[in-house]
């Protein structure tokens, strides 16, 4: 699409700007840099919260973004030698990467670190709730209506407004009690 915009001076400006923005947001360097910041922030500021059980959610703007972030997270964690953080990705259906031609599914990208088997869509909330996984990467799935009491931090890489913003950010609006303490996240 970016090549098309360069070659066609009659392409509507709005369509060209949209194509360029999508290209930039999916560029591997962009995703790698954001992944670096999120992982390091999580390790330094979040992971130790809630008695070392704190979890984070990364809200992306599309299913393809969620796939690209999952690939970047896994690659970054491996390259850094970090074994204390694992990520899961949540999206519906099959995502085809137009650049590589590869197709991805949620179970195909989420291998159980204990059994090595794919984690089914039905098992994902339970597995994310375990101590084995700390970060959940989502497009629209689990952005609303998802209750994970240990969800402490949210990294949002998409435009949020109106009801969607309220519903998404309210995933952090939780009270939990442990060791006689009550901790409030969000607007409790």
N, C-alpha and C. Protein backbone atom coordinates (compact mmCIF):
# COMPACT_ATOMS: atom_id res chain seq x y z
N UNK A 1 0.82 -1.19 0.00
CA UNK A 1 0.00 0.00 0.00
C UNK A 1 0.87 1.26 0.00
N UNK A 2 1.99 1.24 0.71
CA UNK A 2 2.86 2.41 0.73
C UNK A 2 3.44 2.64 -0.66
N UNK A 3 3.85 1.56 -1.33
CA UNK A 3 4.36 1.66 -2.71
C UNK A 3 3.29 2.23 -3.62
N UNK A 4 2.05 1.77 -3.43
CA UNK A 4 0.93 2.26 -4.23
C UNK A 4 0.76 3.77 -4.03
N UNK A 5 0.92 4.23 -2.79
CA UNK A 5 0.78 5.65 -2.49
C UNK A 5 1.87 6.46 -3.17
N UNK A 6 3.10 5.91 -3.20
CA UNK A 6 4.19 6.62 -3.85
C UNK A 6 3.98 6.74 -5.35
N UNK A 7 3.47 5.68 -5.95
CA UNK A 7 3.33 5.61 -7.41
C UNK A 7 2.08 6.30 -7.95
N UNK A 8 1.13 6.60 -7.10
CA UNK A 8 -0.14 7.15 -7.58
C UNK A 8 -0.39 8.53 -6.98
N UNK A 9 -0.10 9.59 -7.72
CA UNK A 9 -0.33 10.93 -7.19
C UNK A 9 -1.82 11.25 -7.02
N UNK A 10 -2.69 10.43 -7.61
CA UNK A 10 -4.13 10.66 -7.49
C UNK A 10 -4.75 9.94 -6.31
N UNK A 11 -3.96 9.17 -5.58
CA UNK A 11 -4.47 8.47 -4.40
C UNK A 11 -4.93 9.50 -3.37
N UNK A 12 -6.13 9.33 -2.84
CA UNK A 12 -6.62 10.29 -1.84
C UNK A 12 -5.64 10.42 -0.66
N UNK A 13 -5.42 11.64 -0.24
CA UNK A 13 -4.45 11.91 0.83
C UNK A 13 -4.77 11.12 2.10
N UNK A 14 -6.04 11.08 2.49
CA UNK A 14 -6.43 10.39 3.71
C UNK A 14 -6.08 8.91 3.64
N UNK A 15 -6.32 8.28 2.49
CA UNK A 15 -6.01 6.87 2.32
C UNK A 15 -4.50 6.64 2.38
N UNK A 16 -3.73 7.53 1.79
CA UNK A 16 -2.27 7.42 1.82
C UNK A 16 -1.71 7.60 3.22
N UNK A 17 -2.24 8.57 3.96
CA UNK A 17 -1.80 8.80 5.33
C UNK A 17 -2.11 7.60 6.20
N UNK A 18 -3.31 7.03 6.02
CA UNK A 18 -3.71 5.85 6.78
C UNK A 18 -2.77 4.67 6.49
N UNK A 19 -2.44 4.47 5.22
CA UNK A 19 -1.54 3.38 4.83
C UNK A 19 -0.15 3.57 5.43
N UNK A 20 0.33 4.80 5.41
CA UNK A 20 1.65 5.08 5.97
C UNK A 20 1.65 4.87 7.49
N UNK A 21 0.61 5.29 8.16
CA UNK A 21 0.51 5.11 9.61
C UNK A 21 0.49 3.62 9.97
N UNK A 22 -0.26 2.84 9.20
CA UNK A 22 -0.31 1.39 9.45
C UNK A 22 1.06 0.77 9.23
N UNK A 23 1.73 1.16 8.15
CA UNK A 23 3.07 0.66 7.85
C UNK A 23 4.01 0.97 9.01
N UNK A 24 3.98 2.20 9.50
CA UNK A 24 4.87 2.60 10.60
C UNK A 24 4.55 1.85 11.88
N UNK A 25 3.27 1.69 12.18
CA UNK A 25 2.90 1.03 13.44
C UNK A 25 3.26 -0.45 13.43
N UNK A 26 3.30 -1.07 12.26
CA UNK A 26 3.66 -2.48 12.15
C UNK A 26 5.14 -2.71 11.84
N UNK A 27 5.88 -1.65 11.66
CA UNK A 27 7.29 -1.81 11.33
C UNK A 27 8.00 -2.54 12.48
N UNK A 28 8.80 -3.56 12.16
CA UNK A 28 9.47 -4.34 13.21
C UNK A 28 10.28 -3.49 14.19
N UNK A 29 10.95 -2.47 13.71
CA UNK A 29 11.74 -1.63 14.61
C UNK A 29 10.84 -0.95 15.64
N UNK A 30 9.71 -0.44 15.20
CA UNK A 30 8.75 0.22 16.08
C UNK A 30 8.27 -0.75 17.16
N UNK A 31 7.85 -1.93 16.76
CA UNK A 31 7.34 -2.93 17.70
C UNK A 31 8.45 -3.41 18.64
N UNK A 32 9.65 -3.61 18.12
CA UNK A 32 10.78 -4.04 18.96
C UNK A 32 11.11 -3.00 20.02
N UNK A 33 11.12 -1.73 19.66
CA UNK A 33 11.42 -0.67 20.61
C UNK A 33 10.37 -0.61 21.72
N UNK A 34 9.11 -0.69 21.35
CA UNK A 34 8.04 -0.65 22.34
C UNK A 34 8.08 -1.89 23.24
N UNK A 35 8.40 -3.03 22.64
CA UNK A 35 8.52 -4.27 23.42
C UNK A 35 9.62 -4.13 24.46
N UNK A 36 10.75 -3.61 24.06
CA UNK A 36 11.88 -3.39 24.97
C UNK A 36 11.42 -2.55 26.16
N UNK A 37 10.74 -1.44 25.90
CA UNK A 37 10.28 -0.55 26.97
C UNK A 37 9.29 -1.26 27.89
N UNK A 38 8.33 -1.98 27.32
CA UNK A 38 7.32 -2.65 28.14
C UNK A 38 7.93 -3.75 29.01
N UNK A 39 8.78 -4.58 28.42
CA UNK A 39 9.39 -5.68 29.19
C UNK A 39 10.24 -5.12 30.33
N UNK A 40 11.08 -4.14 30.02
CA UNK A 40 11.95 -3.60 31.06
C UNK A 40 11.14 -2.87 32.14
N UNK A 41 10.10 -2.15 31.74
CA UNK A 41 9.24 -1.51 32.74
C UNK A 41 8.58 -2.56 33.62
N UNK A 42 8.05 -3.60 33.00
CA UNK A 42 7.40 -4.66 33.77
C UNK A 42 8.38 -5.30 34.76
N UNK A 43 9.57 -5.63 34.29
CA UNK A 43 10.55 -6.29 35.16
C UNK A 43 10.98 -5.39 36.32
N UNK A 44 11.15 -4.10 36.05
CA UNK A 44 11.67 -3.19 37.08
C UNK A 44 10.60 -2.63 38.01
N UNK A 45 9.37 -2.47 37.51
CA UNK A 45 8.36 -1.74 38.28
C UNK A 45 7.10 -2.51 38.61
N UNK A 46 6.83 -3.60 37.94
CA UNK A 46 5.54 -4.25 38.11
C UNK A 46 5.65 -5.67 38.66
N UNK A 47 6.54 -6.44 38.12
CA UNK A 47 6.62 -7.88 38.40
C UNK A 47 6.59 -8.21 39.89
N UNK A 48 7.25 -7.43 40.70
CA UNK A 48 7.34 -7.72 42.13
C UNK A 48 6.07 -7.34 42.91
N UNK A 49 5.16 -6.65 42.27
CA UNK A 49 3.93 -6.23 42.95
C UNK A 49 3.05 -7.45 43.24
N UNK A 50 2.14 -7.30 44.16
CA UNK A 50 1.18 -8.36 44.53
C UNK A 50 1.92 -9.65 44.87
N UNK A 51 2.94 -9.52 45.70
CA UNK A 51 3.75 -10.68 46.11
C UNK A 51 4.32 -11.44 44.91
N UNK A 52 4.85 -10.71 43.96
CA UNK A 52 5.46 -11.27 42.74
C UNK A 52 4.45 -12.00 41.86
N UNK A 53 3.20 -11.61 41.93
CA UNK A 53 2.17 -12.26 41.10
C UNK A 53 1.52 -11.30 40.12
N UNK A 54 1.98 -10.05 40.05
CA UNK A 54 1.35 -9.04 39.20
C UNK A 54 1.42 -9.43 37.73
N UNK A 55 0.37 -9.07 37.02
CA UNK A 55 0.27 -9.36 35.59
C UNK A 55 0.01 -8.08 34.82
N UNK A 56 0.32 -8.14 33.52
CA UNK A 56 0.11 -6.98 32.66
C UNK A 56 -0.61 -7.40 31.39
N UNK A 57 -1.28 -6.44 30.79
CA UNK A 57 -1.95 -6.66 29.52
C UNK A 57 -1.45 -5.60 28.54
N UNK A 58 -1.16 -6.04 27.31
CA UNK A 58 -0.78 -5.13 26.24
C UNK A 58 -1.96 -5.09 25.28
N UNK A 59 -2.57 -3.93 25.12
CA UNK A 59 -3.72 -3.76 24.24
C UNK A 59 -3.23 -3.19 22.92
N UNK A 60 -3.39 -3.96 21.85
CA UNK A 60 -2.90 -3.56 20.53
C UNK A 60 -4.05 -3.15 19.63
N UNK A 61 -3.72 -2.54 18.51
CA UNK A 61 -4.77 -1.99 17.66
C UNK A 61 -5.33 -2.97 16.64
N UNK A 62 -4.73 -4.15 16.48
CA UNK A 62 -5.27 -5.13 15.55
C UNK A 62 -4.76 -6.52 15.89
N UNK A 63 -5.38 -7.51 15.26
CA UNK A 63 -4.93 -8.89 15.47
C UNK A 63 -3.50 -9.07 14.94
N UNK A 64 -3.19 -8.42 13.82
CA UNK A 64 -1.84 -8.52 13.27
C UNK A 64 -0.83 -7.86 14.22
N UNK A 65 -1.20 -6.76 14.83
CA UNK A 65 -0.33 -6.14 15.83
C UNK A 65 -0.09 -7.09 17.00
N UNK A 66 -1.14 -7.75 17.47
CA UNK A 66 -1.00 -8.69 18.58
C UNK A 66 -0.02 -9.80 18.21
N UNK A 67 -0.14 -10.32 16.99
CA UNK A 67 0.77 -11.37 16.51
C UNK A 67 2.20 -10.85 16.49
N UNK A 68 2.39 -9.66 15.93
CA UNK A 68 3.74 -9.10 15.83
C UNK A 68 4.34 -8.83 17.21
N UNK A 69 3.52 -8.36 18.15
CA UNK A 69 4.01 -8.16 19.52
C UNK A 69 4.39 -9.48 20.18
N UNK A 70 3.59 -10.51 19.98
CA UNK A 70 3.92 -11.83 20.57
C UNK A 70 5.26 -12.31 20.04
N UNK A 71 5.48 -12.21 18.75
CA UNK A 71 6.76 -12.62 18.16
C UNK A 71 7.90 -11.78 18.74
N UNK A 72 7.68 -10.47 18.86
CA UNK A 72 8.72 -9.58 19.39
C UNK A 72 9.00 -9.85 20.86
N UNK A 73 7.94 -10.08 21.65
CA UNK A 73 8.13 -10.39 23.08
C UNK A 73 8.94 -11.66 23.23
N UNK A 74 8.55 -12.71 22.55
CA UNK A 74 9.27 -13.99 22.68
C UNK A 74 10.73 -13.84 22.27
N UNK A 75 10.96 -13.13 21.18
CA UNK A 75 12.32 -12.92 20.69
C UNK A 75 13.14 -12.09 21.68
N UNK A 76 12.56 -11.02 22.21
CA UNK A 76 13.27 -10.16 23.16
C UNK A 76 13.60 -10.92 24.44
N UNK A 77 12.63 -11.65 24.98
CA UNK A 77 12.87 -12.40 26.22
C UNK A 77 13.97 -13.43 26.03
N UNK A 78 13.96 -14.09 24.89
CA UNK A 78 14.99 -15.09 24.60
C UNK A 78 16.36 -14.43 24.46
N UNK A 79 16.41 -13.33 23.69
CA UNK A 79 17.68 -12.63 23.46
C UNK A 79 18.28 -12.11 24.77
N UNK A 80 17.43 -11.64 25.69
CA UNK A 80 17.91 -11.12 26.96
C UNK A 80 18.18 -12.22 27.98
N UNK A 81 17.74 -13.43 27.69
CA UNK A 81 17.92 -14.53 28.63
C UNK A 81 16.97 -14.47 29.81
N UNK A 82 15.84 -13.76 29.66
CA UNK A 82 14.87 -13.64 30.73
C UNK A 82 13.98 -14.88 30.76
N UNK A 83 13.96 -15.53 31.89
CA UNK A 83 13.10 -16.70 32.05
C UNK A 83 12.00 -16.45 33.08
N UNK A 84 11.97 -15.23 33.62
CA UNK A 84 10.99 -14.91 34.67
C UNK A 84 9.72 -14.26 34.13
N UNK A 85 9.64 -14.09 32.81
CA UNK A 85 8.45 -13.52 32.18
C UNK A 85 8.08 -14.36 30.98
N UNK A 86 6.80 -14.67 30.87
CA UNK A 86 6.28 -15.36 29.68
C UNK A 86 5.01 -14.65 29.24
N UNK A 87 4.81 -14.63 27.93
CA UNK A 87 3.63 -13.95 27.40
C UNK A 87 2.70 -14.93 26.71
N UNK A 88 1.44 -14.53 26.65
CA UNK A 88 0.41 -15.22 25.88
C UNK A 88 -0.24 -14.18 24.97
N UNK A 89 -0.82 -14.65 23.88
CA UNK A 89 -1.51 -13.75 22.97
C UNK A 89 -2.95 -14.21 22.82
N UNK A 90 -3.86 -13.26 22.68
CA UNK A 90 -5.28 -13.59 22.52
C UNK A 90 -5.85 -12.85 21.32
N UNK A 91 -6.37 -13.61 20.37
CA UNK A 91 -7.06 -13.05 19.22
C UNK A 91 -7.93 -14.13 18.62
N UNK A 92 -8.92 -13.73 17.87
CA UNK A 92 -9.86 -14.68 17.27
C UNK A 92 -9.41 -15.06 15.87
N UNK A 93 -9.74 -16.29 15.48
CA UNK A 93 -9.54 -16.73 14.11
C UNK A 93 -8.09 -16.91 13.72
N UNK A 94 -7.85 -16.75 12.42
CA UNK A 94 -6.52 -16.89 11.85
C UNK A 94 -6.07 -15.54 11.32
N UNK A 95 -4.82 -15.20 11.56
CA UNK A 95 -4.25 -13.94 11.09
C UNK A 95 -3.17 -14.27 10.07
N UNK A 96 -3.30 -13.68 8.89
CA UNK A 96 -2.28 -13.86 7.86
C UNK A 96 -1.43 -12.60 7.79
N UNK A 97 -0.13 -12.79 7.92
CA UNK A 97 0.80 -11.68 7.83
C UNK A 97 1.06 -11.40 6.35
N UNK A 98 0.65 -10.24 5.86
CA UNK A 98 0.82 -9.96 4.43
C UNK A 98 2.28 -9.85 4.00
N UNK A 99 3.16 -9.52 4.93
CA UNK A 99 4.59 -9.42 4.60
C UNK A 99 5.24 -10.78 4.42
N UNK A 100 4.99 -11.69 5.36
CA UNK A 100 5.64 -13.01 5.32
C UNK A 100 4.79 -14.08 4.65
N UNK A 101 3.47 -13.83 4.60
CA UNK A 101 2.56 -14.84 4.06
C UNK A 101 2.21 -15.92 5.06
N UNK A 102 2.78 -15.86 6.26
CA UNK A 102 2.52 -16.87 7.30
C UNK A 102 1.16 -16.63 7.95
N UNK A 103 0.54 -17.73 8.39
CA UNK A 103 -0.73 -17.64 9.10
C UNK A 103 -0.53 -18.04 10.55
N UNK A 104 -1.24 -17.34 11.44
CA UNK A 104 -1.10 -17.56 12.87
C UNK A 104 -2.47 -17.78 13.50
N UNK A 105 -2.50 -18.67 14.49
CA UNK A 105 -3.69 -18.85 15.32
C UNK A 105 -3.28 -18.69 16.78
N UNK A 106 -4.24 -18.39 17.60
CA UNK A 106 -3.96 -18.22 19.02
C UNK A 106 -3.34 -19.49 19.62
N UNK A 107 -3.97 -20.67 19.46
CA UNK A 107 -3.35 -21.87 20.04
C UNK A 107 -1.98 -22.18 19.43
N UNK A 108 -1.79 -21.86 18.16
CA UNK A 108 -0.50 -22.11 17.52
C UNK A 108 0.62 -21.24 18.06
N UNK A 109 0.28 -20.08 18.61
CA UNK A 109 1.30 -19.18 19.15
C UNK A 109 1.51 -19.35 20.64
N UNK A 110 0.56 -20.00 21.32
CA UNK A 110 0.63 -20.16 22.77
C UNK A 110 0.94 -21.61 23.13
N UNK A 111 2.20 -21.89 23.38
CA UNK A 111 2.58 -23.23 23.83
C UNK A 111 2.64 -23.24 25.34
N UNK A 112 2.08 -24.27 25.93
CA UNK A 112 2.10 -24.40 27.38
C UNK A 112 3.54 -24.66 27.82
N UNK A 113 4.04 -23.83 28.73
CA UNK A 113 5.42 -23.95 29.18
C UNK A 113 5.64 -25.21 30.03
N UNK A 114 4.57 -25.81 30.52
CA UNK A 114 4.69 -27.02 31.33
C UNK A 114 4.61 -28.27 30.45
N UNK A 115 3.61 -28.34 29.57
CA UNK A 115 3.39 -29.55 28.77
C UNK A 115 3.95 -29.44 27.36
N UNK A 116 4.16 -28.22 26.88
CA UNK A 116 4.62 -28.02 25.51
C UNK A 116 3.50 -28.08 24.48
N UNK A 117 2.30 -28.39 24.92
CA UNK A 117 1.15 -28.47 24.01
C UNK A 117 0.56 -27.09 23.76
N UNK A 118 -0.16 -26.95 22.66
CA UNK A 118 -0.85 -25.68 22.41
C UNK A 118 -1.91 -25.41 23.49
N UNK A 119 -2.05 -24.16 23.87
CA UNK A 119 -3.07 -23.76 24.83
C UNK A 119 -4.31 -23.38 24.03
N UNK A 120 -5.41 -24.06 24.30
CA UNK A 120 -6.64 -23.77 23.56
C UNK A 120 -7.22 -22.44 24.02
N UNK A 121 -8.11 -21.89 23.20
CA UNK A 121 -8.75 -20.62 23.54
C UNK A 121 -9.51 -20.73 24.85
N UNK A 122 -10.11 -21.88 25.11
CA UNK A 122 -10.86 -22.08 26.36
C UNK A 122 -9.93 -22.13 27.57
N UNK A 123 -8.71 -22.63 27.40
CA UNK A 123 -7.76 -22.77 28.51
C UNK A 123 -7.01 -21.47 28.80
N UNK A 124 -7.00 -20.55 27.86
CA UNK A 124 -6.15 -19.37 27.98
C UNK A 124 -6.39 -18.55 29.25
N UNK A 125 -7.62 -18.22 29.63
CA UNK A 125 -7.80 -17.43 30.86
C UNK A 125 -7.24 -18.14 32.10
N UNK A 126 -7.46 -19.43 32.18
CA UNK A 126 -6.95 -20.19 33.32
C UNK A 126 -5.43 -20.23 33.33
N UNK A 127 -4.82 -20.47 32.18
CA UNK A 127 -3.35 -20.53 32.10
C UNK A 127 -2.75 -19.16 32.39
N UNK A 128 -3.39 -18.08 31.90
CA UNK A 128 -2.88 -16.74 32.20
C UNK A 128 -2.98 -16.47 33.69
N UNK A 129 -3.97 -17.02 34.34
CA UNK A 129 -4.14 -16.84 35.78
C UNK A 129 -3.10 -17.58 36.61
N UNK A 130 -2.41 -18.52 36.01
CA UNK A 130 -1.38 -19.27 36.74
C UNK A 130 -0.12 -18.44 36.90
N UNK A 131 0.80 -18.93 37.69
CA UNK A 131 2.06 -18.22 37.91
C UNK A 131 3.03 -18.39 36.74
N UNK A 132 2.65 -19.17 35.75
CA UNK A 132 3.54 -19.43 34.60
C UNK A 132 3.60 -18.29 33.61
N UNK A 133 2.58 -17.42 33.58
CA UNK A 133 2.49 -16.35 32.57
C UNK A 133 2.22 -15.02 33.24
N UNK A 134 2.86 -13.97 32.70
CA UNK A 134 2.74 -12.65 33.32
C UNK A 134 2.15 -11.59 32.40
N UNK A 135 2.26 -11.76 31.09
CA UNK A 135 1.82 -10.73 30.16
C UNK A 135 0.86 -11.32 29.14
N UNK A 136 -0.26 -10.64 28.92
CA UNK A 136 -1.24 -11.05 27.92
C UNK A 136 -1.34 -9.97 26.86
N UNK A 137 -1.09 -10.35 25.61
CA UNK A 137 -1.15 -9.44 24.47
C UNK A 137 -2.49 -9.65 23.78
N UNK A 138 -3.25 -8.58 23.61
CA UNK A 138 -4.60 -8.71 23.05
C UNK A 138 -4.85 -7.70 21.94
N UNK A 139 -5.77 -8.05 21.06
CA UNK A 139 -6.31 -7.08 20.11
C UNK A 139 -7.62 -6.62 20.74
N UNK A 140 -8.76 -7.13 20.30
CA UNK A 140 -10.03 -6.79 20.95
C UNK A 140 -10.43 -7.83 21.97
N UNK A 141 -10.01 -9.05 21.77
CA UNK A 141 -10.37 -10.13 22.67
C UNK A 141 -9.79 -9.85 24.06
N UNK A 142 -10.60 -10.04 25.10
CA UNK A 142 -10.24 -9.84 26.50
C UNK A 142 -10.01 -8.37 26.84
N UNK A 143 -10.22 -7.48 25.89
CA UNK A 143 -10.08 -6.07 26.19
C UNK A 143 -11.24 -5.62 27.08
N UNK A 144 -12.38 -6.27 26.94
CA UNK A 144 -13.53 -5.98 27.79
C UNK A 144 -14.09 -7.30 28.30
N UNK A 145 -14.74 -7.25 29.44
CA UNK A 145 -15.39 -8.44 29.98
C UNK A 145 -14.44 -9.50 30.49
N UNK A 146 -13.21 -9.17 30.73
CA UNK A 146 -12.20 -10.12 31.20
C UNK A 146 -11.84 -9.78 32.63
N UNK A 147 -11.96 -10.75 33.51
CA UNK A 147 -11.70 -10.51 34.92
C UNK A 147 -10.49 -11.31 35.37
N UNK A 148 -9.40 -10.62 35.60
CA UNK A 148 -8.19 -11.23 36.13
C UNK A 148 -7.75 -10.36 37.30
N UNK A 149 -8.01 -10.81 38.53
CA UNK A 149 -7.72 -9.98 39.70
C UNK A 149 -6.26 -9.56 39.84
N UNK A 150 -5.33 -10.30 39.27
CA UNK A 150 -3.92 -9.97 39.40
C UNK A 150 -3.43 -9.02 38.29
N UNK A 151 -4.34 -8.60 37.43
CA UNK A 151 -3.97 -7.67 36.36
C UNK A 151 -3.66 -6.32 37.00
N UNK A 152 -2.41 -5.95 36.96
CA UNK A 152 -1.92 -4.76 37.65
C UNK A 152 -1.65 -3.60 36.72
N UNK A 153 -1.14 -3.90 35.52
CA UNK A 153 -0.66 -2.86 34.62
C UNK A 153 -1.19 -3.11 33.21
N UNK A 154 -1.49 -2.03 32.51
CA UNK A 154 -1.95 -2.14 31.14
C UNK A 154 -1.12 -1.20 30.27
N UNK A 155 -0.60 -1.76 29.18
CA UNK A 155 0.12 -0.97 28.18
C UNK A 155 -0.82 -0.88 26.98
N UNK A 156 -1.18 0.32 26.60
CA UNK A 156 -2.15 0.52 25.53
C UNK A 156 -1.45 1.10 24.31
N UNK A 157 -1.50 0.37 23.21
CA UNK A 157 -0.89 0.83 21.96
C UNK A 157 -1.99 0.92 20.89
N UNK A 158 -3.00 1.67 21.21
CA UNK A 158 -4.09 1.93 20.27
C UNK A 158 -4.89 3.12 20.77
N UNK A 159 -5.65 3.67 19.90
CA UNK A 159 -6.51 4.79 20.28
C UNK A 159 -7.72 4.23 21.04
N UNK A 160 -7.99 4.82 22.19
CA UNK A 160 -9.17 4.45 22.98
C UNK A 160 -10.02 5.70 23.17
N UNK A 161 -11.34 5.53 23.02
CA UNK A 161 -12.23 6.65 23.34
C UNK A 161 -13.60 6.12 23.71
N UNK A 162 -14.36 6.97 24.34
CA UNK A 162 -15.73 6.64 24.71
C UNK A 162 -15.87 5.42 25.59
N UNK A 163 -16.91 4.65 25.30
CA UNK A 163 -17.23 3.46 26.09
C UNK A 163 -16.09 2.44 26.04
N UNK A 164 -15.45 2.33 24.87
CA UNK A 164 -14.34 1.39 24.74
C UNK A 164 -13.21 1.73 25.72
N UNK A 165 -12.92 2.99 25.88
CA UNK A 165 -11.87 3.40 26.81
C UNK A 165 -12.24 3.03 28.24
N UNK A 166 -13.48 3.31 28.62
CA UNK A 166 -13.94 2.99 29.97
C UNK A 166 -13.89 1.49 30.21
N UNK A 167 -14.42 0.71 29.27
CA UNK A 167 -14.44 -0.75 29.44
C UNK A 167 -13.03 -1.33 29.47
N UNK A 168 -12.16 -0.84 28.63
CA UNK A 168 -10.79 -1.36 28.59
C UNK A 168 -10.05 -1.03 29.87
N UNK A 169 -10.05 0.22 30.25
CA UNK A 169 -9.31 0.63 31.43
C UNK A 169 -9.91 0.08 32.72
N UNK A 170 -11.19 -0.25 32.70
CA UNK A 170 -11.80 -0.81 33.92
C UNK A 170 -11.34 -2.23 34.20
N UNK A 171 -10.60 -2.84 33.28
CA UNK A 171 -9.99 -4.15 33.57
C UNK A 171 -9.05 -4.03 34.75
N UNK A 172 -8.53 -2.82 34.98
CA UNK A 172 -7.62 -2.58 36.10
C UNK A 172 -8.35 -2.13 37.35
N UNK A 173 -9.63 -1.90 37.27
CA UNK A 173 -10.41 -1.39 38.38
C UNK A 173 -10.83 -2.56 39.28
N UNK A 174 -9.90 -3.02 40.09
CA UNK A 174 -10.13 -4.21 40.90
C UNK A 174 -9.68 -3.97 42.33
N UNK A 175 -10.34 -4.65 43.23
CA UNK A 175 -9.89 -4.72 44.61
C UNK A 175 -9.52 -6.16 44.87
N UNK A 176 -8.36 -6.37 45.46
CA UNK A 176 -8.02 -7.72 45.87
C UNK A 176 -7.52 -7.66 47.31
N UNK A 177 -7.67 -8.74 48.01
CA UNK A 177 -7.20 -8.82 49.39
C UNK A 177 -6.23 -9.98 49.52
N UNK A 178 -5.16 -9.72 50.19
CA UNK A 178 -4.25 -10.80 50.54
C UNK A 178 -3.46 -10.35 51.75
N UNK A 179 -3.13 -11.27 52.59
CA UNK A 179 -2.42 -11.02 53.84
C UNK A 179 -3.05 -9.87 54.62
N UNK A 180 -4.37 -9.85 54.67
CA UNK A 180 -5.07 -8.85 55.44
C UNK A 180 -5.07 -7.45 54.85
N UNK A 181 -4.59 -7.29 53.62
CA UNK A 181 -4.54 -5.98 52.98
C UNK A 181 -5.50 -5.93 51.82
N UNK A 182 -6.04 -4.77 51.58
CA UNK A 182 -6.85 -4.56 50.39
C UNK A 182 -6.11 -3.58 49.49
N UNK A 183 -5.96 -3.96 48.26
CA UNK A 183 -5.27 -3.12 47.29
C UNK A 183 -6.30 -2.73 46.23
N UNK A 184 -6.31 -1.46 45.86
CA UNK A 184 -7.25 -0.97 44.88
C UNK A 184 -6.52 -0.51 43.64
N UNK A 185 -7.00 -0.95 42.48
CA UNK A 185 -6.44 -0.54 41.21
C UNK A 185 -7.51 0.24 40.47
N UNK A 186 -7.13 1.28 39.80
CA UNK A 186 -8.10 2.05 39.03
C UNK A 186 -8.83 3.03 39.91
N UNK A 187 -10.18 2.99 39.85
CA UNK A 187 -11.00 4.00 40.50
C UNK A 187 -11.86 3.43 41.62
N UNK A 188 -11.38 2.45 42.33
CA UNK A 188 -12.17 1.79 43.39
C UNK A 188 -12.63 2.77 44.45
